[in-house]
Structure formats: C-alpha cells, structure tokens
Amino acid sequence: MGGRFSSLTTRGRAFLAAGVAAAVCAVALGQKDLLRVAVFLLALPVVTVLVVTRTRYRIAASRTIEPVRVQVGEQATVRLRLENVGRMPTGLLLLEDQVPYLLGSRPRFVLDRMSARWRRDVTYPVRSEARGRFTVGPLTLRVTDPFGLVELSRSFRSQEVFLVTPRVYALPAAKAAGEWSSSGEHNQRAASADGEEDVTVREYREGDDLRRVHWRSSARRGELMVRREEQPWQSRATVFLDTRRIGHRGSGATSSFEWAVSAAGSVGVHLLRRGFSVRLLTDAGASVLATARESGPTVESEGQILDALAVVAPSSIGHLSQTSLTAANDGSHGLLVAVLGVVTPAEAQALVQARQRSSAAFAIVVDTPSWAAGNERSPQAMAEQLAESVRMLRRGGWRVSVVRHGTTVPAAWAQLMLGEDGAGPRSPGSASSSASPASPGSAPSSASPASPASSPAPAAAAGPLAGVANDSPTPPAVAPTVREETWGGQAS
C-alpha cells in the first residue's frame, strides 16, 4: 500500500494533510460538519490512488529521427508517436524524452487525453554545434488523474543513435596530375580473393539480359552469375588525418583540430564522388575503407567515412613516426592526401619516406600557431620550423598547401591543386614552379595561372579549376530509424 501512495503528487499529499487536520479539529471541537469535510478530503486521494493504480493502460510508443545523420549545425527532427492500444482512455499524459544537453533542452509535452485506439504524434528539433555520436531516449511517460492528485511514471527502454558528422564542403573539381591515368598503381583492378574469374562475373540482378548468364560459374556457386561487359578499374586513395593533441591549437568548434577533421571529411567524400576507393587513416592506427560502387558513391560508403570522423578524438601520440605512417606507405593506394598539424623536420622526413611508393602525394599543413594567441615557443621559431618542414616535403615530392586561421577548406583545396605558388602541379622532384597543370602525358604549358592569393574565389580560378563540382556538401538522406515499445499492465 505504501508503494501506491508514493505516486501521490504534492496536491494529493496536501489533500491528505488537510483531511487529517480537519478530522483532528472536528473531534476536538465536536463539529460533525467539519468531520464530513475531513472524510471527503481523506477519501478523494485514497480512492484516486486505488483507481489509477488498478487501471490497465496499454500505450505503444515509437521514435523516428529524420535524418539520423546530419552535419554540424544542421537540424534533424525527432518524431514521437504514441498510441493507446488498450480499451481504457487515459488521463493527462506528460511526456519527457531524454536528450543530451549538446542537442538542446530536454523536450516536454502535455497530452490532455487519449481515447481508446487513439494515436498522437509530437515532434521536436535537435541540433548540435559539436560533432559526435549521441543517444536519444529513453522516453518517460507520466499519467495523472483529472484532479492532479496521482501521477504514475514509467519509462520505455528504446534508445536511438543520432550522428553529427563534421561539416563537408564541396571542393573544386580540379584534376591532379596522373590522377585518372589509364594505368598505374592507383588504378588497380578490384579483384576478390576467390580468383580472377570473380572479376569477370557478378551476381544476377533483376533486368539483366539472360544471354549474359555464365552457366559454369552459376553451377559452381549455386546462383545465377552474369558476365560483365567490361573490367572495372578502381582508383584508390588514402586520406591521412593527424589527430595528435600536441599538433593542434585552439578549443571547441573553432580549433585547428576541428578544421582538420572537416578537411579530411571533405576530401574523402570528394574523392568518393569522383570514383575513388578511399581509405581513412589516422596516426593512432584507426583505419576505415569506403568503396564507391559502379553506379557511384552510396549513403553507406560516404557514411563510413563520416561516421568514423564523427567520433574521432585527439590522440596522445607525441610525434609522427615511421611506424604510424607504415600503413600509408602501401603501393595499392596510389593517391595520398595528408591533413597535418604541427610538423617537425624529423616528421617531414618520415612523411617523405612514406610517400615513396605513392603515385601522388598532397599535404594540407595547418599553421596551428595562427589558431592560438600564445605559444610556448616564439612565433619566429615556429615559423622557421614550419618553413623547413614544408621545404623538405616539397623536395620529397609532396605538393603542400599551408593553411592559416580563417582559410576555408575549398580555398585550401584549390591552393593545393594549383601548387605552392598557384602555378599548377609540379612533377615529383621538380625544382621549377612555373609549370601549369597538364593532363597525363601532355607537355607542360608555359602559361602560369594567377596566384591563389590574388584569386577572388576558388570557383573563379583558371585552368583546371574553371568549374566547381556539383557535389552537394550534404550526404544523401538516410533512412529513419523506428523503434516501437508497448507499456502496459497493472501498476505496482
């Protein structure tokens, strides 16, 4: 009985206290009318508790998040659907959904009454200025009586995952030298481990011509296999992200680390949409491989990159060593793009060695001192170290873009494609910086495009940057997640 009376609200307890006080006064003063009032004040909350706790409520709830993956600063909608699947109408319903504080204030709703078989939908927005993996739920439901004397509280168990990924920018559709040549290490055929024949046949899909069925492979595999009209060739790339805590400056969404994460995500999605198989690699050893299908990148392939970047955190590694860069030194990944923080000459030498087997190497070096007001070392010493590291990388065949605070990701990519002085890409080891971009196998032009510093915007750059890709910066819509639960039964 004590457990049932614990569901009394403040108003219900006040009624009980007033009833007891009225009963004492009625007995002391001999007032029968006052005693009747005392009995009423005591009986009302007691009867309400017995009725509400014995009533069998059956309420089903589901939650939908549309979309379940958004970029930083974008808004998603959470839809709660409640249905009274029982025969008894409910009283006043109070809803409260558990939401992390980074997604906004905790939503609360009041539903006056739900008849039998009645359905209600409520929505609320969620938005975060910080990336991450968040859990929404569980939903807490409170049922009260019409007088507000009793309140029953129950919680559903379901929770949904909501992902906030770094902001992805549309990058200029510039073509790097040797990037899509007809041969080379970075254009290897995607063969499986089952043998060469698996490259020439694939599973039957609805609408395929039956004349293309390969009966020998179909008999061996037990399912219809069809011949491919042509052999697919997959360009491959590695995006290396420097996550060292000591390599970045600033805090929060405006830090150099968050800028680097956004740059790595933009480059990865850009290459996926250009037909590359992209591997994301960090100095801590985390590795994610995303492959675009023949029809183009899918939500899943882009989501693999963005989901990994949504939860990436600064690492405690002290410096970039040859060991941490060993995975990047893989000949099967011809294009290498590195987003780096503070780089010492020794680390630059390790990067040069990691570049040896790559067909092309690009480095976005973040000038992290520009993100902080003060530094342990003097700005002059930091500038000299940065200049020396950049010189070593360029001599080792890297194309380098140095990014200061305030530079946008598309501008950094445009500068990287144009080269260090805006004169276009140079061949590895070339000492000249006046060659303009040229297609593989063609002679370099003597004309030199304008410097990125004098160009008004990346889209207005000359040569290969004359057009901007139509890639949308927002990943395609993701199918919403729905979970349903039913809460019912007699309350204890």
Protein backbone atom coordinates (compact mmCIF):
# COMPACT_ATOMS: atom_id res chain seq x y z
CA MET A 1 0.00 0.00 0.00
CA GLY A 2 2.90 2.34 0.76
CA GLY A 3 4.22 1.92 -2.77
CA ARG A 4 0.90 3.00 -4.22
CA PHE A 5 0.69 6.14 -2.08
CA SER A 6 4.19 7.11 -3.20
CA SER A 7 2.58 8.08 -6.54
CA LEU A 8 0.69 10.93 -4.85
CA THR A 9 1.56 14.39 -6.12
CA THR A 10 2.13 17.41 -3.91
CA ARG A 11 -1.54 18.28 -4.31
CA GLY A 12 -2.57 14.78 -3.26
CA ARG A 13 -0.38 14.90 -0.14
CA ALA A 14 -1.81 18.32 0.68
CA PHE A 15 -5.31 16.86 0.50
CA LEU A 16 -4.32 14.10 2.93
CA ALA A 17 -2.70 16.57 5.33
CA ALA A 18 -5.74 18.84 5.20
CA GLY A 19 -8.05 15.87 5.81
CA VAL A 20 -6.09 14.73 8.86
CA ALA A 21 -6.02 18.27 10.28
CA ALA A 22 -9.75 18.72 9.68
CA ALA A 23 -10.51 15.37 11.35
CA VAL A 24 -8.48 16.30 14.45
CA CYS A 25 -10.19 19.67 14.72
CA ALA A 26 -13.63 18.11 14.18
CA VAL A 27 -13.08 15.62 17.03
CA ALA A 28 -11.61 18.26 19.35
CA LEU A 29 -14.39 20.78 18.70
CA GLY A 30 -17.20 18.28 18.23
CA GLN A 31 -18.13 19.60 14.78
CA LYS A 32 -19.83 16.91 12.67
CA ASP A 33 -19.93 19.06 9.54
CA LEU A 34 -16.18 19.59 9.73
CA LEU A 35 -15.78 15.83 10.15
CA ARG A 36 -17.66 15.27 6.89
CA VAL A 37 -15.27 17.64 5.13
CA ALA A 38 -12.32 15.75 6.64
CA VAL A 39 -13.67 12.42 5.39
CA PHE A 40 -14.05 13.86 1.89
CA LEU A 41 -10.51 15.28 1.90
CA LEU A 42 -9.09 11.93 3.00
CA ALA A 43 -11.20 9.75 0.75
CA LEU A 44 -10.59 11.64 -2.51
CA PRO A 45 -6.81 10.96 -2.83
CA VAL A 46 -7.17 7.42 -1.45
CA VAL A 47 -9.87 6.47 -3.96
CA THR A 48 -7.95 8.16 -6.77
CA VAL A 49 -4.81 6.15 -5.95
CA LEU A 50 -6.75 2.88 -5.97
CA VAL A 51 -8.50 3.67 -9.26
CA VAL A 52 -5.43 4.95 -11.13
CA THR A 53 -3.03 2.22 -9.99
CA ARG A 54 -5.52 -0.54 -10.80
CA THR A 55 -6.36 0.82 -14.24
CA ARG A 56 -4.67 -1.11 -17.03
CA TYR A 57 -3.10 1.30 -19.50
CA ARG A 58 -1.51 -0.02 -22.70
CA ILE A 59 0.41 2.63 -24.58
CA ALA A 60 2.71 1.95 -27.55
CA ALA A 61 5.44 4.41 -28.49
CA SER A 62 7.83 4.71 -31.42
CA ARG A 63 10.57 7.20 -32.26
CA THR A 64 11.77 8.32 -35.68
CA ILE A 65 14.78 10.56 -36.35
CA GLU A 66 14.91 12.16 -39.78
CA PRO A 67 17.66 12.07 -40.82
CA VAL A 68 19.76 10.03 -38.42
CA ARG A 69 22.98 11.59 -39.75
CA VAL A 70 23.45 15.35 -40.13
CA GLN A 71 26.38 17.71 -40.35
CA VAL A 72 27.43 20.14 -37.64
CA GLY A 73 24.91 22.95 -37.31
CA GLU A 74 22.17 21.16 -39.25
CA GLN A 75 18.81 20.30 -37.75
CA ALA A 76 17.07 16.95 -37.52
CA THR A 77 13.52 16.18 -36.44
CA VAL A 78 12.55 13.63 -33.81
CA ARG A 79 9.01 12.31 -34.14
CA LEU A 80 7.34 10.53 -31.24
CA ARG A 81 4.22 8.51 -31.99
CA LEU A 82 2.02 7.30 -29.13
CA GLU A 83 -0.96 5.01 -29.47
CA ASN A 84 -3.41 3.88 -26.83
CA VAL A 85 -3.74 0.21 -27.76
CA GLY A 86 -5.89 -0.59 -24.71
CA ARG A 87 -9.59 -0.15 -24.10
CA MET A 88 -9.32 2.36 -21.27
CA PRO A 89 -8.97 6.08 -22.03
CA THR A 90 -6.04 7.80 -20.39
CA GLY A 91 -5.95 10.89 -18.28
CA LEU A 92 -3.47 13.70 -18.64
CA LEU A 93 -0.18 12.50 -20.20
CA LEU A 94 3.17 14.15 -19.57
CA LEU A 95 5.98 13.17 -21.99
CA GLU A 96 9.67 13.79 -21.46
CA ASP A 97 12.38 12.49 -23.80
CA GLN A 98 15.97 12.15 -22.63
CA VAL A 99 18.27 14.22 -24.88
CA PRO A 100 21.98 15.06 -24.38
CA TYR A 101 22.48 18.70 -23.47
CA LEU A 102 24.53 19.29 -26.64
CA LEU A 103 21.40 18.62 -28.70
CA GLY A 104 19.29 21.22 -26.92
CA SER A 105 16.93 21.44 -23.98
CA ARG A 106 15.00 18.40 -22.80
CA PRO A 107 11.64 18.28 -24.64
CA ARG A 108 8.45 18.04 -22.59
CA PHE A 109 4.90 17.64 -23.89
CA VAL A 110 1.42 17.55 -22.35
CA LEU A 111 -1.39 15.49 -23.91
CA ASP A 112 -4.78 16.14 -22.34
CA ARG A 113 -6.46 12.78 -23.04
CA MET A 114 -6.14 9.74 -25.28
CA SER A 115 -9.21 7.71 -26.06
CA ALA A 116 -9.08 4.00 -26.83
CA ARG A 117 -7.24 3.24 -30.11
CA TRP A 118 -6.26 6.89 -30.39
CA ARG A 119 -2.93 7.97 -31.88
CA ARG A 120 -0.92 11.14 -31.32
CA ASP A 121 2.28 12.46 -32.93
CA VAL A 122 4.60 15.03 -31.42
CA THR A 123 7.84 16.37 -32.91
CA TYR A 124 10.79 18.37 -31.69
CA PRO A 125 14.05 19.51 -33.33
CA VAL A 126 17.59 18.51 -32.36
CA ARG A 127 20.73 20.34 -33.41
CA SER A 128 24.36 20.31 -32.34
CA GLU A 129 27.29 22.59 -32.98
CA ALA A 130 29.65 19.78 -31.98
CA ARG A 131 30.11 16.52 -33.84
CA GLY A 132 29.64 13.23 -32.06
CA ARG A 133 27.55 10.14 -31.55
CA PHE A 134 24.54 10.86 -29.36
CA THR A 135 21.88 8.66 -27.79
CA VAL A 136 18.29 9.91 -27.76
CA GLY A 137 15.94 8.36 -25.20
CA PRO A 138 14.52 6.67 -23.29
CA LEU A 139 11.06 8.24 -23.24
CA THR A 140 9.48 8.87 -19.84
CA LEU A 141 5.69 8.83 -19.62
CA ARG A 142 3.65 10.20 -16.70
CA VAL A 143 -0.09 9.56 -16.36
CA THR A 144 -2.13 11.77 -14.00
CA ASP A 145 -5.74 11.77 -12.89
CA PRO A 146 -8.13 14.64 -13.76
CA PHE A 147 -7.66 16.18 -10.31
CA GLY A 148 -3.86 16.07 -10.43
CA LEU A 149 -3.63 14.07 -7.22
CA VAL A 150 -1.83 10.96 -8.52
CA GLU A 151 0.98 10.60 -11.05
CA LEU A 152 2.30 7.31 -12.45
CA SER A 153 5.72 7.41 -14.11
CA ARG A 154 7.04 4.75 -16.46
CA SER A 155 9.97 4.70 -18.89
CA PHE A 156 10.31 2.98 -22.25
CA ARG A 157 13.56 1.16 -22.93
CA SER A 158 14.23 2.08 -26.56
CA GLN A 159 17.04 4.46 -27.48
CA GLU A 160 18.13 5.76 -30.87
CA VAL A 161 21.59 6.74 -32.12
CA PHE A 162 21.95 10.16 -33.68
CA LEU A 163 25.17 11.07 -35.54
CA VAL A 164 26.51 14.59 -36.03
CA THR A 165 29.32 14.50 -38.58
CA PRO A 166 31.85 17.22 -39.42
CA ARG A 167 30.86 19.79 -41.98
CA VAL A 168 31.57 18.66 -45.54
CA TYR A 169 32.34 21.27 -48.19
CA ALA A 170 32.02 20.99 -51.95
CA LEU A 171 35.57 21.09 -53.33
CA PRO A 172 36.62 22.43 -56.74
CA ALA A 173 36.65 19.71 -59.40
CA ALA A 174 40.36 20.04 -60.13
CA LYS A 175 42.19 17.12 -61.75
CA ALA A 176 45.56 16.25 -60.28
CA ALA A 177 48.38 15.09 -62.49
CA GLY A 178 48.25 11.33 -63.08
CA GLU A 179 45.09 11.03 -61.05
CA TRP A 180 42.96 9.24 -63.64
CA SER A 181 45.54 7.80 -65.98
CA SER A 182 44.71 4.53 -67.70
CA SER A 183 47.36 2.62 -65.81
CA GLY A 184 49.40 2.85 -62.69
CA GLU A 185 49.40 1.66 -59.13
CA HIS A 186 46.47 3.85 -58.15
CA ASN A 187 44.19 2.37 -60.83
CA GLN A 188 44.29 -1.26 -59.86
CA ARG A 189 41.52 -3.66 -60.71
CA ALA A 190 39.37 -4.62 -57.74
CA ALA A 191 39.75 -8.42 -57.73
CA SER A 192 38.48 -10.62 -54.93
CA ALA A 193 40.28 -13.43 -53.19
CA ASP A 194 38.21 -16.09 -54.97
CA GLY A 195 40.15 -15.84 -58.21
CA GLU A 196 40.37 -13.93 -61.46
CA GLU A 197 37.01 -15.25 -62.67
CA ASP A 198 35.24 -13.34 -59.91
CA VAL A 199 36.39 -10.15 -61.61
CA THR A 200 34.63 -11.04 -64.88
CA VAL A 201 31.32 -12.27 -63.45
CA ARG A 202 28.91 -10.93 -60.86
CA GLU A 203 25.55 -11.86 -59.30
CA TYR A 204 22.46 -11.71 -61.47
CA ARG A 205 20.39 -8.57 -60.96
CA GLU A 206 16.80 -8.00 -61.98
CA GLY A 207 16.69 -6.73 -65.54
CA ASP A 208 19.96 -8.36 -66.68
CA ASP A 209 19.95 -9.99 -70.09
CA LEU A 210 19.74 -13.77 -69.71
CA ARG A 211 22.13 -14.14 -72.64
CA ARG A 212 24.88 -12.84 -70.33
CA VAL A 213 24.42 -15.67 -67.82
CA HIS A 214 27.67 -17.54 -67.19
CA TRP A 215 26.41 -21.06 -66.63
CA ARG A 216 29.66 -22.60 -65.42
CA SER A 217 30.03 -20.06 -62.61
CA SER A 218 26.30 -20.30 -61.86
CA ALA A 219 26.54 -24.08 -61.43
CA ARG A 220 29.56 -23.81 -59.17
CA ARG A 221 28.11 -21.05 -56.97
CA GLY A 222 24.52 -22.25 -56.89
CA GLU A 223 23.13 -18.90 -58.07
CA LEU A 224 22.86 -17.08 -61.38
CA MET A 225 26.04 -15.26 -62.40
CA VAL A 226 26.35 -12.91 -65.39
CA ARG A 227 29.36 -11.73 -67.38
CA ARG A 228 30.48 -8.16 -67.04
CA GLU A 229 30.70 -6.14 -70.22
CA GLU A 230 33.97 -4.53 -69.16
CA GLN A 231 36.51 -4.86 -66.41
CA PRO A 232 36.05 -2.25 -63.67
CA TRP A 233 39.07 -0.24 -62.65
CA GLN A 234 39.05 1.42 -59.27
CA SER A 235 41.17 4.46 -58.44
CA ARG A 236 42.36 4.27 -54.85
CA ALA A 237 43.37 6.91 -52.36
CA THR A 238 44.41 7.23 -48.72
CA VAL A 239 43.40 10.20 -46.59
CA PHE A 240 45.72 10.56 -43.58
CA LEU A 241 44.50 12.66 -40.62
CA ASP A 242 46.90 13.94 -37.99
CA THR A 243 44.97 13.72 -34.69
CA ARG A 244 47.84 14.42 -32.27
CA ARG A 245 46.78 16.70 -29.43
CA ILE A 246 50.13 18.48 -29.40
CA GLY A 247 49.86 19.11 -33.14
CA HIS A 248 46.80 21.38 -32.88
CA ARG A 249 45.78 24.59 -31.14
CA GLY A 250 42.54 26.18 -30.04
CA SER A 251 39.47 24.64 -28.44
CA GLY A 252 35.92 23.83 -29.38
CA ALA A 253 34.43 24.13 -32.82
CA THR A 254 36.95 26.82 -33.87
CA SER A 255 40.07 24.77 -33.10
CA SER A 256 42.56 23.68 -35.72
CA PHE A 257 41.71 20.05 -34.92
CA GLU A 258 38.07 20.52 -35.91
CA TRP A 259 39.18 22.30 -39.09
CA ALA A 260 41.44 19.34 -39.94
CA VAL A 261 38.63 16.83 -39.30
CA SER A 262 36.30 18.79 -41.58
CA ALA A 263 39.00 18.98 -44.26
CA ALA A 264 39.62 15.21 -44.10
CA GLY A 265 35.90 14.51 -44.41
CA SER A 266 35.51 16.91 -47.34
CA VAL A 267 38.46 15.37 -49.20
CA GLY A 268 37.26 11.82 -48.52
CA VAL A 269 33.71 12.49 -49.75
CA HIS A 270 35.05 14.44 -52.74
CA LEU A 271 37.26 11.55 -53.83
CA LEU A 272 34.47 9.02 -53.29
CA ARG A 273 32.22 11.02 -55.58
CA ARG A 274 34.99 11.08 -58.17
CA GLY A 275 35.08 7.27 -58.24
CA PHE A 276 37.90 6.58 -55.77
CA SER A 277 38.06 3.83 -53.20
CA VAL A 278 39.03 5.86 -50.12
CA ARG A 279 40.79 4.67 -47.01
CA LEU A 280 40.76 6.96 -43.96
CA LEU A 281 43.82 6.58 -41.75
CA THR A 282 44.85 8.32 -38.52
CA ASP A 283 48.13 8.45 -36.65
CA ALA A 284 46.51 6.41 -33.85
CA GLY A 285 46.10 3.46 -36.25
CA ALA A 286 42.37 3.77 -36.94
CA SER A 287 41.54 2.75 -40.50
CA VAL A 288 38.27 2.83 -42.45
CA LEU A 289 37.83 1.73 -46.07
CA ALA A 290 34.96 3.06 -48.18
CA THR A 291 34.41 1.89 -51.75
CA ALA A 292 32.20 3.52 -54.35
CA ARG A 293 30.08 1.17 -56.44
CA GLU A 294 29.95 1.14 -60.21
CA SER A 295 26.87 3.39 -60.13
CA GLY A 296 28.60 5.90 -57.86
CA PRO A 297 29.02 6.51 -54.13
CA THR A 298 26.21 5.44 -51.82
CA VAL A 299 24.98 6.63 -48.47
CA GLU A 300 26.76 3.71 -46.84
CA SER A 301 30.15 4.43 -48.43
CA GLU A 302 30.11 8.12 -47.53
CA GLY A 303 28.65 7.26 -44.14
CA GLN A 304 31.59 5.00 -43.32
CA ILE A 305 33.98 7.93 -43.64
CA LEU A 306 31.75 10.47 -41.91
CA ASP A 307 30.74 8.13 -39.08
CA ALA A 308 34.38 7.49 -38.24
CA LEU A 309 35.15 11.22 -38.27
CA ALA A 310 32.11 11.97 -36.10
CA VAL A 311 33.73 10.25 -33.13
CA VAL A 312 37.44 10.80 -33.80
CA ALA A 313 39.22 12.41 -30.84
CA PRO A 314 42.68 13.92 -30.31
CA SER A 315 45.32 11.28 -29.62
CA SER A 316 48.10 11.37 -27.06
CA ILE A 317 50.81 10.34 -29.56
CA GLY A 318 53.84 12.60 -29.27
CA HIS A 319 55.13 12.63 -32.82
CA LEU A 320 54.59 11.16 -36.27
CA SER A 321 56.90 8.20 -36.61
CA GLN A 322 57.65 5.87 -39.47
CA THR A 323 55.62 3.21 -37.66
CA SER A 324 52.47 5.33 -37.62
CA LEU A 325 52.89 6.05 -41.33
CA THR A 326 53.62 2.47 -42.40
CA ALA A 327 50.01 1.82 -43.39
CA ALA A 328 50.07 4.87 -45.66
CA ASN A 329 53.10 3.51 -47.49
CA ASP A 330 51.03 0.98 -49.42
CA GLY A 331 51.52 0.77 -53.13
CA SER A 332 47.89 -0.23 -53.70
CA HIS A 333 46.79 3.21 -52.60
CA GLY A 334 48.27 5.46 -55.24
CA LEU A 335 46.90 8.85 -54.19
CA LEU A 336 47.93 10.04 -50.72
CA VAL A 337 46.35 13.10 -49.09
CA ALA A 338 47.54 14.11 -45.61
CA VAL A 339 45.95 16.71 -43.33
CA LEU A 340 48.66 17.63 -40.84
CA GLY A 341 49.10 19.77 -37.75
CA VAL A 342 52.47 20.88 -36.40
CA VAL A 343 55.19 19.04 -38.35
CA THR A 344 58.82 18.96 -37.34
CA PRO A 345 61.65 18.37 -39.85
CA ALA A 346 62.09 14.83 -38.49
CA GLU A 347 58.41 14.10 -39.04
CA ALA A 348 58.63 15.64 -42.50
CA GLN A 349 61.40 13.20 -43.32
CA ALA A 350 59.16 10.30 -42.20
CA LEU A 351 56.42 11.62 -44.47
CA VAL A 352 58.86 11.78 -47.38
CA GLN A 353 59.72 8.13 -46.85
CA ALA A 354 56.03 7.21 -46.66
CA ARG A 355 55.44 8.94 -49.97
CA GLN A 356 57.97 6.87 -51.95
CA ARG A 357 55.51 4.24 -53.25
CA SER A 358 52.59 6.61 -53.79
CA SER A 359 51.91 7.89 -57.28
CA ALA A 360 50.92 11.35 -55.99
CA ALA A 361 51.09 12.94 -52.54
CA PHE A 362 49.29 16.05 -51.26
CA ALA A 363 49.66 17.64 -47.85
CA ILE A 364 47.47 20.26 -46.18
CA VAL A 365 49.64 21.63 -43.37
CA VAL A 366 47.67 23.58 -40.78
CA ASP A 367 49.60 26.59 -39.47
CA THR A 368 48.41 25.88 -35.94
CA PRO A 369 50.15 28.86 -34.24
CA SER A 370 47.69 31.12 -36.08
CA TRP A 371 44.87 29.38 -34.13
CA ALA A 372 46.33 30.33 -30.75
CA ALA A 373 47.13 33.69 -29.18
CA GLY A 374 50.20 32.45 -27.30
CA ASN A 375 52.70 29.64 -27.72
CA GLU A 376 55.41 28.05 -25.66
CA ARG A 377 57.90 28.83 -28.40
CA SER A 378 58.42 32.15 -30.13
CA PRO A 379 56.48 32.76 -33.36
CA GLN A 380 59.77 33.18 -35.22
CA ALA A 381 61.00 29.73 -34.16
CA MET A 382 57.66 28.16 -35.10
CA ALA A 383 57.68 29.89 -38.48
CA GLU A 384 61.23 28.70 -39.22
CA GLN A 385 60.34 25.12 -38.26
CA LEU A 386 57.23 25.21 -40.45
CA ALA A 387 59.14 26.62 -43.41
CA GLU A 388 61.87 23.98 -43.10
CA SER A 389 59.32 21.14 -42.85
CA VAL A 390 57.43 22.42 -45.90
CA ARG A 391 60.68 22.67 -47.90
CA MET A 392 61.57 19.08 -47.01
CA LEU A 393 58.13 17.83 -48.02
CA ARG A 394 58.26 19.63 -51.37
CA ARG A 395 61.75 18.37 -52.10
CA GLY A 396 60.47 14.86 -51.31
CA GLY A 397 57.73 15.05 -53.95
CA TRP A 398 54.83 16.30 -51.83
CA ARG A 399 52.58 19.08 -53.04
CA VAL A 400 51.96 21.25 -49.98
CA SER A 401 49.36 23.86 -49.03
CA VAL A 402 49.92 25.82 -45.80
CA VAL A 403 46.64 26.88 -44.21
CA ARG A 404 46.26 29.74 -41.76
CA HIS A 405 43.35 30.52 -39.45
CA GLY A 406 40.39 31.81 -41.43
CA THR A 407 41.13 29.85 -44.62
CA THR A 408 38.20 27.81 -45.88
CA VAL A 409 38.52 24.15 -46.84
CA PRO A 410 37.61 24.76 -50.53
CA ALA A 411 40.22 27.54 -50.71
CA ALA A 412 42.86 25.25 -49.21
CA TRP A 413 41.99 22.50 -51.71
CA ALA A 414 42.15 24.95 -54.62
CA GLN A 415 45.54 26.17 -53.45
CA LEU A 416 46.71 22.58 -53.16
CA MET A 417 45.62 21.75 -56.70
CA LEU A 418 47.26 24.89 -58.09
CA GLY A 419 50.53 24.23 -56.28
CA GLU A 420 52.55 26.19 -53.76
CA ASP A 421 52.62 29.42 -55.75
CA GLY A 422 49.44 28.97 -57.79
CA ALA A 423 51.41 27.91 -60.85
CA GLY A 424 49.86 24.47 -61.05
CA PRO A 425 51.03 20.98 -60.08
CA ARG A 426 54.63 20.01 -60.38
CA SER A 427 56.03 16.61 -61.05
CA PRO A 428 57.69 14.96 -58.04
CA GLY A 429 61.21 16.26 -57.51
CA SER A 430 60.81 19.12 -59.98
CA ALA A 431 62.56 22.30 -58.98
CA SER A 432 60.55 24.54 -61.26
CA SER A 433 57.32 26.10 -60.00
CA SER A 434 56.23 27.77 -63.23
CA ALA A 435 54.63 24.79 -64.96
CA SER A 436 50.88 24.91 -65.33
CA PRO A 437 48.59 21.89 -64.82
CA ALA A 438 48.72 19.41 -67.66
CA SER A 439 46.97 16.20 -68.38
CA PRO A 440 48.99 12.98 -68.06
CA GLY A 441 51.31 12.55 -70.98
CA SER A 442 50.93 16.11 -72.33
CA ALA A 443 53.65 18.68 -72.40
CA PRO A 444 53.50 21.35 -69.69
CA SER A 445 52.29 24.75 -70.74
CA SER A 446 54.39 27.84 -70.24
CA ALA A 447 51.41 29.87 -69.16
CA SER A 448 51.04 30.30 -65.43
CA PRO A 449 47.63 30.87 -63.82
CA ALA A 450 47.11 33.51 -61.20
CA SER A 451 48.20 33.05 -57.62
CA PRO A 452 45.57 31.80 -55.15
CA ALA A 453 46.19 34.87 -53.01
CA SER A 454 45.07 37.14 -55.86
CA SER A 455 42.17 34.96 -56.97
CA PRO A 456 38.79 36.13 -55.64
CA ALA A 457 37.42 32.64 -55.07
CA PRO A 458 38.30 29.03 -55.85
CA ALA A 459 35.49 28.80 -58.40
CA ALA A 460 36.96 31.68 -60.40
CA ALA A 461 40.39 30.14 -60.75
CA ALA A 462 41.69 29.48 -64.24
CA GLY A 463 42.70 26.23 -65.88
CA PRO A 464 41.51 23.01 -64.25
CA LEU A 465 39.64 24.94 -61.57
CA ALA A 466 37.36 26.68 -64.05
CA GLY A 467 34.40 24.57 -62.95
CA VAL A 468 33.22 23.71 -59.46
CA ALA A 469 31.89 20.23 -58.79
CA ASN A 470 28.16 19.86 -58.48
CA ASP A 471 28.62 17.57 -55.49
CA SER A 472 26.27 18.55 -52.73
CA PRO A 473 28.05 19.19 -49.41
CA THR A 474 25.32 17.32 -47.57
CA PRO A 475 25.32 13.49 -47.72
CA PRO A 476 22.20 11.86 -49.15
CA ALA A 477 19.23 11.35 -46.90
CA VAL A 478 19.43 8.38 -44.56
CA ALA A 479 16.50 6.09 -43.89
CA PRO A 480 14.96 6.93 -40.50
CA THR A 481 15.17 4.59 -37.55
CA VAL A 482 11.94 3.47 -35.90
CA ARG A 483 11.59 1.60 -32.64
CA GLU A 484 8.29 0.58 -31.07
CA GLU A 485 7.52 -0.37 -27.49
CA THR A 486 4.37 -1.03 -25.54
CA TRP A 487 3.97 -0.10 -21.91
CA GLY A 488 1.09 -1.68 -20.13
CA GLY A 489 -0.02 -3.82 -17.28
CA GLN A 490 -1.23 -3.07 -13.83
CA ALA A 491 0.98 -0.67 -11.93
CA SER A 492 2.58 -1.95 -8.79
